Each structure stands twice: as C-alpha cells, then as structure tokens.
C-alpha cells in the first residue's frame, strides 16, 4: 500500500491481517487460528515473522507456485484509492 505522501506502508496483506486480528482476539485462550496460504518464496520469512503468535498455527504455507497475488494499492486521499492487480495466486 502506498500512502498519499509516497511511503510504502506494508508489503503483506489479505489473510495475514485477518489471521493476526483473530489471534489477538483469542489471546489468553487455548483456541487458535490455522493459516493456510500460498506465498511467493521471497515473502515466506516476512510472513512467518509477522504471524509469529502463540494462537496461530501455520501447517502449510505453500511456496511451490513461485508467486502470490500482487496488488498495488495507492491511497489518493481519505476517500479515494487506485488498485491494480499485477499477479494472481493459484487456488489453495
């Protein structure tokens, strides 16, 4: 995501933030979130670091596809954005 002033805010998105939010809600319990996803090989370490949480289990992070979905999201202002999908991911 690119902010209006040109700064890159984050590289990973989609399932990573949903899984993180669910894990945060489950803190202090024995319940967990299972994360299944395709990732490009260059993103695997960053994803593991981001999702390092006691309530998150990552049994399968598939890197065999050699790519993941790539979306460029530019925030123009508080009400406007431009989204461009450059690569698509194969189904899980």
PDB file of N, CA and C in Angstrom:
ATOM      1  N   UNK A   1       0.852  -1.161   0.000  1.00  0.00           N
ATOM      2  CA  UNK A   1       0.000   0.000   0.000  1.00  0.00           C
ATOM      3  C   UNK A   1       0.904   1.232   0.000  1.00  0.00           C
ATOM      4  N   UNK A   2       0.575   2.170  -0.817  1.00  0.00           N
ATOM      5  CA  UNK A   2       1.342   3.412  -0.921  1.00  0.00           C
ATOM      6  C   UNK A   2       0.487   4.552  -0.379  1.00  0.00           C
ATOM      7  N   UNK A   3       1.008   5.241   0.623  1.00  0.00           N
ATOM      8  CA  UNK A   3       0.269   6.347   1.239  1.00  0.00           C
ATOM      9  C   UNK A   3       0.287   7.568   0.321  1.00  0.00           C
ATOM     10  N   UNK A   4      -0.581   8.535   0.587  1.00  0.00           N
ATOM     11  CA  UNK A   4      -0.616   9.733  -0.262  1.00  0.00           C
ATOM     12  C   UNK A   4       0.723  10.472  -0.364  1.00  0.00           C
ATOM     13  N   UNK A   5       1.579  10.340   0.654  1.00  0.00           N
ATOM     14  CA  UNK A   5       2.888  11.003   0.593  1.00  0.00           C
ATOM     15  C   UNK A   5       3.972  10.124  -0.023  1.00  0.00           C
ATOM     16  N   UNK A   6       3.588   8.949  -0.570  1.00  0.00           N
ATOM     17  CA  UNK A   6       4.520   8.087  -1.295  1.00  0.00           C
ATOM     18  C   UNK A   6       5.215   7.024  -0.470  1.00  0.00           C
ATOM     19  N   UNK A   7       4.918   6.917   0.817  1.00  0.00           N
ATOM     20  CA  UNK A   7       5.553   5.909   1.660  1.00  0.00           C
ATOM     21  C   UNK A   7       4.866   4.556   1.496  1.00  0.00           C
ATOM     22  N   UNK A   8       5.667   3.484   1.422  1.00  0.00           N
ATOM     23  CA  UNK A   8       5.121   2.128   1.390  1.00  0.00           C
ATOM     24  C   UNK A   8       4.778   1.744   2.813  1.00  0.00           C
ATOM     25  N   UNK A   9       3.493   1.458   3.054  1.00  0.00           N
ATOM     26  CA  UNK A   9       3.010   1.192   4.397  1.00  0.00           C
ATOM     27  C   UNK A   9       3.183  -0.273   4.780  1.00  0.00           C
ATOM     28  N   UNK A  10       2.924  -1.206   3.874  1.00  0.00           N
ATOM     29  CA  UNK A  10       3.022  -2.620   4.187  1.00  0.00           C
ATOM     30  C   UNK A  10       3.215  -3.419   2.919  1.00  0.00           C
ATOM     31  N   UNK A  11       3.875  -4.551   3.054  1.00  0.00           N
ATOM     32  CA  UNK A  11       4.067  -5.416   1.899  1.00  0.00           C
ATOM     33  C   UNK A  11       3.063  -6.565   1.898  1.00  0.00           C
ATOM     34  N   UNK A  12       2.786  -7.124   3.059  1.00  0.00           N
ATOM     35  CA  UNK A  12       1.861  -8.254   3.157  1.00  0.00           C
ATOM     36  C   UNK A  12       0.478  -7.765   3.545  1.00  0.00           C
ATOM     37  N   UNK A  13      -0.529  -8.453   3.080  1.00  0.00           N
ATOM     38  CA  UNK A  13      -1.889  -8.056   3.401  1.00  0.00           C
ATOM     39  C   UNK A  13      -2.802  -9.251   3.404  1.00  0.00           C
ATOM     40  N   UNK A  14      -4.019  -9.048   3.029  1.00  0.00           N
ATOM     41  CA  UNK A  14      -5.035 -10.090   2.873  1.00  0.00           C
ATOM     42  C   UNK A  14      -5.134 -10.958   4.116  1.00  0.00           C
ATOM     43  N   UNK A  15      -4.866 -12.235   3.975  1.00  0.00           N
ATOM     44  CA  UNK A  15      -5.066 -13.193   5.057  1.00  0.00           C
ATOM     45  C   UNK A  15      -4.184 -12.892   6.266  1.00  0.00           C
ATOM     46  N   UNK A  16      -3.032 -12.277   6.071  1.00  0.00           N
ATOM     47  CA  UNK A  16      -2.117 -12.017   7.183  1.00  0.00           C
ATOM     48  C   UNK A  16      -2.776 -11.153   8.259  1.00  0.00           C
ATOM     49  N   UNK A  17      -3.505 -10.141   7.871  1.00  0.00           N
ATOM     50  CA  UNK A  17      -4.095  -9.244   8.853  1.00  0.00           C
ATOM     51  C   UNK A  17      -5.361  -9.826   9.469  1.00  0.00           C
ATOM     52  N   UNK A  18      -6.097 -10.617   8.722  1.00  0.00           N
ATOM     53  CA  UNK A  18      -7.268 -11.300   9.285  1.00  0.00           C
ATOM     54  C   UNK A  18      -6.820 -12.301  10.333  1.00  0.00           C
ATOM     55  N   UNK A  19      -5.791 -13.086  10.015  1.00  0.00           N
ATOM     56  CA  UNK A  19      -5.263 -14.079  10.950  1.00  0.00           C
ATOM     57  C   UNK A  19      -4.717 -13.383  12.197  1.00  0.00           C
ATOM     58  N   UNK A  20      -3.998 -12.300  12.026  1.00  0.00           N
ATOM     59  CA  UNK A  20      -3.445 -11.562  13.165  1.00  0.00           C
ATOM     60  C   UNK A  20      -4.541 -11.025  14.073  1.00  0.00           C
ATOM     61  N   UNK A  21      -5.583 -10.467  13.473  1.00  0.00           N
ATOM     62  CA  UNK A  21      -6.686  -9.917  14.263  1.00  0.00           C
ATOM     63  C   UNK A  21      -7.411 -11.019  15.036  1.00  0.00           C
ATOM     64  N   UNK A  22      -7.665 -12.148  14.391  1.00  0.00           N
ATOM     65  CA  UNK A  22      -8.325 -13.264  15.077  1.00  0.00           C
ATOM     66  C   UNK A  22      -7.463 -13.792  16.219  1.00  0.00           C
ATOM     67  N   UNK A  23      -6.155 -13.920  15.988  1.00  0.00           N
ATOM     68  CA  UNK A  23      -5.254 -14.400  17.038  1.00  0.00           C
ATOM     69  C   UNK A  23      -5.262 -13.453  18.234  1.00  0.00           C
ATOM     70  N   UNK A  24      -5.287 -12.159  17.968  1.00  0.00           N
ATOM     71  CA  UNK A  24      -5.328 -11.173  19.054  1.00  0.00           C
ATOM     72  C   UNK A  24      -6.596 -11.338  19.890  1.00  0.00           C
ATOM     73  N   UNK A  25      -7.721 -11.605  19.220  1.00  0.00           N
ATOM     74  CA  UNK A  25      -8.976 -11.826  19.941  1.00  0.00           C
ATOM     75  C   UNK A  25      -8.936 -13.092  20.791  1.00  0.00           C
ATOM     76  N   UNK A  26      -8.129 -14.061  20.387  1.00  0.00           N
ATOM     77  CA  UNK A  26      -8.063 -15.348  21.081  1.00  0.00           C
ATOM     78  C   UNK A  26      -6.980 -15.398  22.158  1.00  0.00           C
ATOM     79  N   UNK A  27      -6.241 -14.318  22.353  1.00  0.00           N
ATOM     80  CA  UNK A  27      -5.186 -14.315  23.366  1.00  0.00           C
ATOM     81  C   UNK A  27      -5.747 -14.703  24.731  1.00  0.00           C
ATOM     82  N   UNK A  28      -4.981 -15.515  25.436  1.00  0.00           N
ATOM     83  CA  UNK A  28      -5.407 -15.970  26.758  1.00  0.00           C
ATOM     84  C   UNK A  28      -6.287 -17.199  26.718  1.00  0.00           C
ATOM     85  N   UNK A  29      -6.551 -17.724  25.530  1.00  0.00           N
ATOM     86  CA  UNK A  29      -7.347 -18.948  25.392  1.00  0.00           C
ATOM     87  C   UNK A  29      -6.471 -20.034  24.786  1.00  0.00           C
ATOM     88  N   UNK A  30      -7.005 -21.238  24.728  1.00  0.00           N
ATOM     89  CA  UNK A  30      -6.295 -22.333  24.060  1.00  0.00           C
ATOM     90  C   UNK A  30      -6.762 -22.502  22.616  1.00  0.00           C
ATOM     91  N   UNK A  31      -7.672 -21.633  22.169  1.00  0.00           N
ATOM     92  CA  UNK A  31      -8.157 -21.682  20.791  1.00  0.00           C
ATOM     93  C   UNK A  31      -7.089 -21.127  19.857  1.00  0.00           C
ATOM     94  N   UNK A  32      -7.210 -21.470  18.587  1.00  0.00           N
ATOM     95  CA  UNK A  32      -6.212 -21.000  17.646  1.00  0.00           C
ATOM     96  C   UNK A  32      -6.762 -20.759  16.263  1.00  0.00           C
ATOM     97  N   UNK A  33      -5.936 -20.123  15.451  1.00  0.00           N
ATOM     98  CA  UNK A  33      -6.242 -19.829  14.058  1.00  0.00           C
ATOM     99  C   UNK A  33      -5.263 -20.629  13.213  1.00  0.00           C
ATOM    100  N   UNK A  34      -5.788 -21.331  12.215  1.00  0.00           N
ATOM    101  CA  UNK A  34      -4.934 -22.083  11.295  1.00  0.00           C
ATOM    102  C   UNK A  34      -4.826 -21.280  10.005  1.00  0.00           C
ATOM    103  N   UNK A  35      -3.600 -20.962   9.612  1.00  0.00           N
ATOM    104  CA  UNK A  35      -3.362 -20.161   8.418  1.00  0.00           C
ATOM    105  C   UNK A  35      -2.875 -21.061   7.288  1.00  0.00           C
ATOM    106  N   UNK A  36      -3.645 -21.117   6.217  1.00  0.00           N
ATOM    107  CA  UNK A  36      -3.280 -21.843   5.005  1.00  0.00           C
ATOM    108  C   UNK A  36      -3.190 -20.827   3.884  1.00  0.00           C
ATOM    109  N   UNK A  37      -2.060 -20.786   3.193  1.00  0.00           N
ATOM    110  CA  UNK A  37      -1.915 -19.761   2.165  1.00  0.00           C
ATOM    111  C   UNK A  37      -0.816 -20.115   1.184  1.00  0.00           C
ATOM    112  N   UNK A  38      -0.919 -19.558  -0.016  1.00  0.00           N
ATOM    113  CA  UNK A  38       0.175 -19.569  -0.980  1.00  0.00           C
ATOM    114  C   UNK A  38       0.999 -18.317  -0.744  1.00  0.00           C
ATOM    115  N   UNK A  39       2.305 -18.448  -0.837  1.00  0.00           N
ATOM    116  CA  UNK A  39       3.193 -17.303  -0.720  1.00  0.00           C
ATOM    117  C   UNK A  39       4.291 -17.422  -1.749  1.00  0.00           C
ATOM    118  N   UNK A  40       4.797 -16.296  -2.189  1.00  0.00           N
ATOM    119  CA  UNK A  40       5.981 -16.346  -3.037  1.00  0.00           C
ATOM    120  C   UNK A  40       7.168 -16.669  -2.133  1.00  0.00           C
ATOM    121  N   UNK A  41       8.161 -17.384  -2.642  1.00  0.00           N
ATOM    122  CA  UNK A  41       9.303 -17.777  -1.808  1.00  0.00           C
ATOM    123  C   UNK A  41       9.989 -16.597  -1.131  1.00  0.00           C
ATOM    124  N   UNK A  42      10.031 -15.442  -1.774  1.00  0.00           N
ATOM    125  CA  UNK A  42      10.707 -14.294  -1.161  1.00  0.00           C
ATOM    126  C   UNK A  42       9.911 -13.675  -0.012  1.00  0.00           C
ATOM    127  N   UNK A  43       8.637 -14.045   0.147  1.00  0.00           N
ATOM    128  CA  UNK A  43       7.801 -13.484   1.214  1.00  0.00           C
ATOM    129  C   UNK A  43       7.655 -14.397   2.429  1.00  0.00           C
ATOM    130  N   UNK A  44       8.141 -15.631   2.359  1.00  0.00           N
ATOM    131  CA  UNK A  44       7.875 -16.619   3.407  1.00  0.00           C
ATOM    132  C   UNK A  44       8.432 -16.189   4.769  1.00  0.00           C
ATOM    133  N   UNK A  45       9.650 -15.693   4.819  1.00  0.00           N
ATOM    134  CA  UNK A  45      10.245 -15.310   6.111  1.00  0.00           C
ATOM    135  C   UNK A  45       9.527 -14.125   6.741  1.00  0.00           C
ATOM    136  N   UNK A  46       9.171 -13.139   5.927  1.00  0.00           N
ATOM    137  CA  UNK A  46       8.437 -11.983   6.447  1.00  0.00           C
ATOM    138  C   UNK A  46       7.069 -12.409   6.986  1.00  0.00           C
ATOM    139  N   UNK A  47       6.402 -13.326   6.293  1.00  0.00           N
ATOM    140  CA  UNK A  47       5.091 -13.803   6.742  1.00  0.00           C
ATOM    141  C   UNK A  47       5.211 -14.570   8.049  1.00  0.00           C
ATOM    142  N   UNK A  48       6.203 -15.438   8.156  1.00  0.00           N
ATOM    143  CA  UNK A  48       6.399 -16.192   9.409  1.00  0.00           C
ATOM    144  C   UNK A  48       6.682 -15.244  10.583  1.00  0.00           C
ATOM    145  N   UNK A  49       7.458 -14.202  10.349  1.00  0.00           N
ATOM    146  CA  UNK A  49       7.759 -13.235  11.404  1.00  0.00           C
ATOM    147  C   UNK A  49       6.502 -12.459  11.803  1.00  0.00           C
ATOM    148  N   UNK A  50       5.730 -12.013  10.815  1.00  0.00           N
ATOM    149  CA  UNK A  50       4.509 -11.260  11.080  1.00  0.00           C
ATOM    150  C   UNK A  50       3.485 -12.108  11.835  1.00  0.00           C
ATOM    151  N   UNK A  51       3.403 -13.400  11.500  1.00  0.00           N
ATOM    152  CA  UNK A  51       2.389 -14.280  12.081  1.00  0.00           C
ATOM    153  C   UNK A  51       2.908 -15.115  13.247  1.00  0.00           C
ATOM    154  N   UNK A  52       4.024 -14.720  13.819  1.00  0.00           N
ATOM    155  CA  UNK A  52       4.588 -15.431  14.962  1.00  0.00           C
ATOM    156  C   UNK A  52       3.777 -15.084  16.207  1.00  0.00           C
ATOM    157  N   UNK A  53       2.826 -15.946  16.535  1.00  0.00           N
ATOM    158  CA  UNK A  53       1.904 -15.702  17.649  1.00  0.00           C
ATOM    159  C   UNK A  53       1.498 -17.054  18.214  1.00  0.00           C
ATOM    160  N   UNK A  54       1.362 -17.181  19.544  1.00  0.00           N
ATOM    161  CA  UNK A  54       1.021 -18.492  20.127  1.00  0.00           C
ATOM    162  C   UNK A  54      -0.343 -19.042  19.692  1.00  0.00           C
ATOM    163  N   UNK A  55      -1.246 -18.206  19.238  1.00  0.00           N
ATOM    164  CA  UNK A  55      -2.564 -18.677  18.810  1.00  0.00           C
ATOM    165  C   UNK A  55      -2.649 -18.899  17.306  1.00  0.00           C
ATOM    166  N   UNK A  56      -1.535 -18.806  16.582  1.00  0.00           N
ATOM    167  CA  UNK A  56      -1.524 -19.030  15.135  1.00  0.00           C
ATOM    168  C   UNK A  56      -0.723 -20.285  14.816  1.00  0.00           C
ATOM    169  N   UNK A  57      -1.325 -21.163  14.026  1.00  0.00           N
ATOM    170  CA  UNK A  57      -0.659 -22.362  13.528  1.00  0.00           C
ATOM    171  C   UNK A  57      -0.547 -22.224  12.017  1.00  0.00           C
ATOM    172  N   UNK A  58       0.637 -22.508  11.490  1.00  0.00           N
ATOM    173  CA  UNK A  58       0.862 -22.417  10.043  1.00  0.00           C
ATOM    174  C   UNK A  58       1.368 -23.766   9.522  1.00  0.00           C
ATOM    175  N   UNK A  59       0.476 -24.752   9.406  1.00  0.00           N
ATOM    176  CA  UNK A  59       0.937 -26.063   8.968  1.00  0.00           C
ATOM    177  C   UNK A  59       1.385 -26.083   7.506  1.00  0.00           C
ATOM    178  N   UNK A  60       0.741 -25.273   6.682  1.00  0.00           N
ATOM    179  CA  UNK A  60       1.074 -25.276   5.260  1.00  0.00           C
ATOM    180  C   UNK A  60       1.125 -23.846   4.749  1.00  0.00           C
ATOM    181  N   UNK A  61       2.313 -23.397   4.439  1.00  0.00           N
ATOM    182  CA  UNK A  61       2.484 -22.149   3.708  1.00  0.00           C
ATOM    183  C   UNK A  61       3.153 -22.558   2.412  1.00  0.00           C
ATOM    184  N   UNK A  62       2.373 -22.704   1.376  1.00  0.00           N
ATOM    185  CA  UNK A  62       2.820 -23.258   0.098  1.00  0.00           C
ATOM    186  C   UNK A  62       3.599 -22.224  -0.705  1.00  0.00           C
ATOM    187  N   UNK A  63       4.841 -22.552  -1.052  1.00  0.00           N
ATOM    188  CA  UNK A  63       5.659 -21.672  -1.887  1.00  0.00           C
ATOM    189  C   UNK A  63       5.949 -22.305  -3.242  1.00  0.00           C
ATOM    190  N   UNK A  64       5.262 -23.396  -3.568  1.00  0.00           N
ATOM    191  CA  UNK A  64       5.541 -24.109  -4.825  1.00  0.00           C
ATOM    192  C   UNK A  64       5.091 -23.338  -6.058  1.00  0.00           C
ATOM    193  N   UNK A  65       4.201 -22.379  -5.895  1.00  0.00           N
ATOM    194  CA  UNK A  65       3.662 -21.642  -7.040  1.00  0.00           C
ATOM    195  C   UNK A  65       4.628 -20.598  -7.572  1.00  0.00           C
ATOM    196  N   UNK A  66       5.645 -20.261  -6.805  1.00  0.00           N
ATOM    197  CA  UNK A  66       6.648 -19.269  -7.183  1.00  0.00           C
ATOM    198  C   UNK A  66       6.115 -17.847  -7.200  1.00  0.00           C
ATOM    199  N   UNK A  67       4.835 -17.659  -6.944  1.00  0.00           N
ATOM    200  CA  UNK A  67       4.321 -16.294  -6.847  1.00  0.00           C
ATOM    201  C   UNK A  67       3.046 -16.276  -6.029  1.00  0.00           C
ATOM    202  N   UNK A  68       2.704 -15.141  -5.555  1.00  0.00           N
ATOM    203  CA  UNK A  68       1.455 -14.928  -4.856  1.00  0.00           C
ATOM    204  C   UNK A  68       0.750 -13.772  -5.534  1.00  0.00           C
ATOM    205  N   UNK A  69      -0.391 -13.440  -5.022  1.00  0.00           N
ATOM    206  CA  UNK A  69      -1.104 -12.304  -5.585  1.00  0.00           C
ATOM    207  C   UNK A  69      -0.325 -11.035  -5.283  1.00  0.00           C
ATOM    208  N   UNK A  70      -0.222 -10.181  -6.247  1.00  0.00           N
ATOM    209  CA  UNK A  70       0.437  -8.891  -6.037  1.00  0.00           C
ATOM    210  C   UNK A  70      -0.535  -7.797  -6.448  1.00  0.00           C
ATOM    211  N   UNK A  71      -0.851  -6.954  -5.492  1.00  0.00           N
ATOM    212  CA  UNK A  71      -1.777  -5.850  -5.730  1.00  0.00           C
ATOM    213  C   UNK A  71      -1.110  -4.565  -5.279  1.00  0.00           C
ATOM    214  N   UNK A  72      -1.115  -3.591  -6.149  1.00  0.00           N
ATOM    215  CA  UNK A  72      -0.614  -2.270  -5.783  1.00  0.00           C
ATOM    216  C   UNK A  72      -1.819  -1.418  -5.420  1.00  0.00           C
ATOM    217  N   UNK A  73      -1.808  -0.877  -4.237  1.00  0.00           N
ATOM    218  CA  UNK A  73      -2.906  -0.052  -3.749  1.00  0.00           C
ATOM    219  C   UNK A  73      -2.348   1.322  -3.420  1.00  0.00           C
ATOM    220  N   UNK A  74      -2.802   2.326  -4.144  1.00  0.00           N
ATOM    221  CA  UNK A  74      -2.372   3.699  -3.900  1.00  0.00           C
ATOM    222  C   UNK A  74      -3.526   4.466  -3.269  1.00  0.00           C
ATOM    223  N   UNK A  75      -3.272   5.028  -2.088  1.00  0.00           N
ATOM    224  CA  UNK A  75      -4.267   5.851  -1.424  1.00  0.00           C
ATOM    225  C   UNK A  75      -4.084   7.283  -1.902  1.00  0.00           C
ATOM    226  N   UNK A  76      -5.102   7.810  -2.542  1.00  0.00           N
ATOM    227  CA  UNK A  76      -5.048   9.179  -3.055  1.00  0.00           C
ATOM    228  C   UNK A  76      -5.377  10.169  -1.942  1.00  0.00           C
ATOM    229  N   UNK A  77      -6.455   9.884  -1.205  1.00  0.00           N
ATOM    230  CA  UNK A  77      -6.848  10.682  -0.046  1.00  0.00           C
ATOM    231  C   UNK A  77      -7.718   9.791   0.833  1.00  0.00           C
ATOM    232  N   UNK A  78      -8.407  10.362   1.808  1.00  0.00           N
ATOM    233  CA  UNK A  78      -9.217   9.563   2.728  1.00  0.00           C
ATOM    234  C   UNK A  78     -10.377   8.835   2.055  1.00  0.00           C
ATOM    235  N   UNK A  79     -10.770   9.259   0.872  1.00  0.00           N
ATOM    236  CA  UNK A  79     -11.958   8.708   0.228  1.00  0.00           C
ATOM    237  C   UNK A  79     -11.683   8.065  -1.128  1.00  0.00           C
ATOM    238  N   UNK A  80     -10.459   8.101  -1.602  1.00  0.00           N
ATOM    239  CA  UNK A  80     -10.166   7.648  -2.961  1.00  0.00           C
ATOM    240  C   UNK A  80      -8.903   6.788  -2.970  1.00  0.00           C
ATOM    241  N   UNK A  81      -8.955   5.690  -3.742  1.00  0.00           N
ATOM    242  CA  UNK A  81      -7.787   4.837  -3.899  1.00  0.00           C
ATOM    243  C   UNK A  81      -7.761   4.244  -5.296  1.00  0.00           C
ATOM    244  N   UNK A  82      -6.583   3.828  -5.710  1.00  0.00           N
ATOM    245  CA  UNK A  82      -6.402   3.163  -7.000  1.00  0.00           C
ATOM    246  C   UNK A  82      -5.779   1.807  -6.717  1.00  0.00           C
ATOM    247  N   UNK A  83      -6.408   0.753  -7.228  1.00  0.00           N
ATOM    248  CA  UNK A  83      -5.929  -0.608  -7.005  1.00  0.00           C
ATOM    249  C   UNK A  83      -5.604  -1.252  -8.343  1.00  0.00           C
ATOM    250  N   UNK A  84      -4.454  -1.933  -8.405  1.00  0.00           N
ATOM    251  CA  UNK A  84      -4.037  -2.597  -9.631  1.00  0.00           C
ATOM    252  C   UNK A  84      -3.478  -3.972  -9.277  1.00  0.00           C
ATOM    253  N   UNK A  85      -4.100  -5.045  -9.794  1.00  0.00           N
ATOM    254  CA  UNK A  85      -3.621  -6.399  -9.541  1.00  0.00           C
ATOM    255  C   UNK A  85      -2.647  -6.798 -10.637  1.00  0.00           C
ATOM    256  N   UNK A  86      -1.392  -7.100 -10.234  1.00  0.00           N
ATOM    257  CA  UNK A  86      -0.346  -7.429 -11.196  1.00  0.00           C
ATOM    258  C   UNK A  86      -0.123  -8.930 -11.355  1.00  0.00           C
ATOM    259  N   UNK A  87      -0.380  -9.700 -10.315  1.00  0.00           N
ATOM    260  CA  UNK A  87      -0.237 -11.159 -10.375  1.00  0.00           C
ATOM    261  C   UNK A  87      -1.403 -11.784  -9.642  1.00  0.00           C
ATOM    262  N   UNK A  88      -1.770 -12.983 -10.045  1.00  0.00           N
ATOM    263  CA  UNK A  88      -2.819 -13.715  -9.334  1.00  0.00           C
ATOM    264  C   UNK A  88      -2.227 -14.977  -8.719  1.00  0.00           C
ATOM    265  N   UNK A  89      -2.886 -15.461  -7.703  1.00  0.00           N
ATOM    266  CA  UNK A  89      -2.459 -16.638  -6.982  1.00  0.00           C
ATOM    267  C   UNK A  89      -3.304 -17.831  -7.417  1.00  0.00           C
ATOM    268  N   UNK A  90      -2.691 -18.997  -7.474  1.00  0.00           N
ATOM    269  CA  UNK A  90      -3.450 -20.202  -7.774  1.00  0.00           C
ATOM    270  C   UNK A  90      -4.297 -20.555  -6.556  1.00  0.00           C
ATOM    271  N   UNK A  91      -5.394 -21.274  -6.718  1.00  0.00           N
ATOM    272  CA  UNK A  91      -6.269 -21.605  -5.584  1.00  0.00           C
ATOM    273  C   UNK A  91      -5.557 -22.474  -4.537  1.00  0.00           C
ATOM    274  N   UNK A  92      -5.962 -22.319  -3.268  1.00  0.00           N
ATOM    275  CA  UNK A  92      -5.400 -23.123  -2.171  1.00  0.00           C
ATOM    276  C   UNK A  92      -5.954 -24.517  -2.294  1.00  0.00           C
TER     277      UNK A  92
END
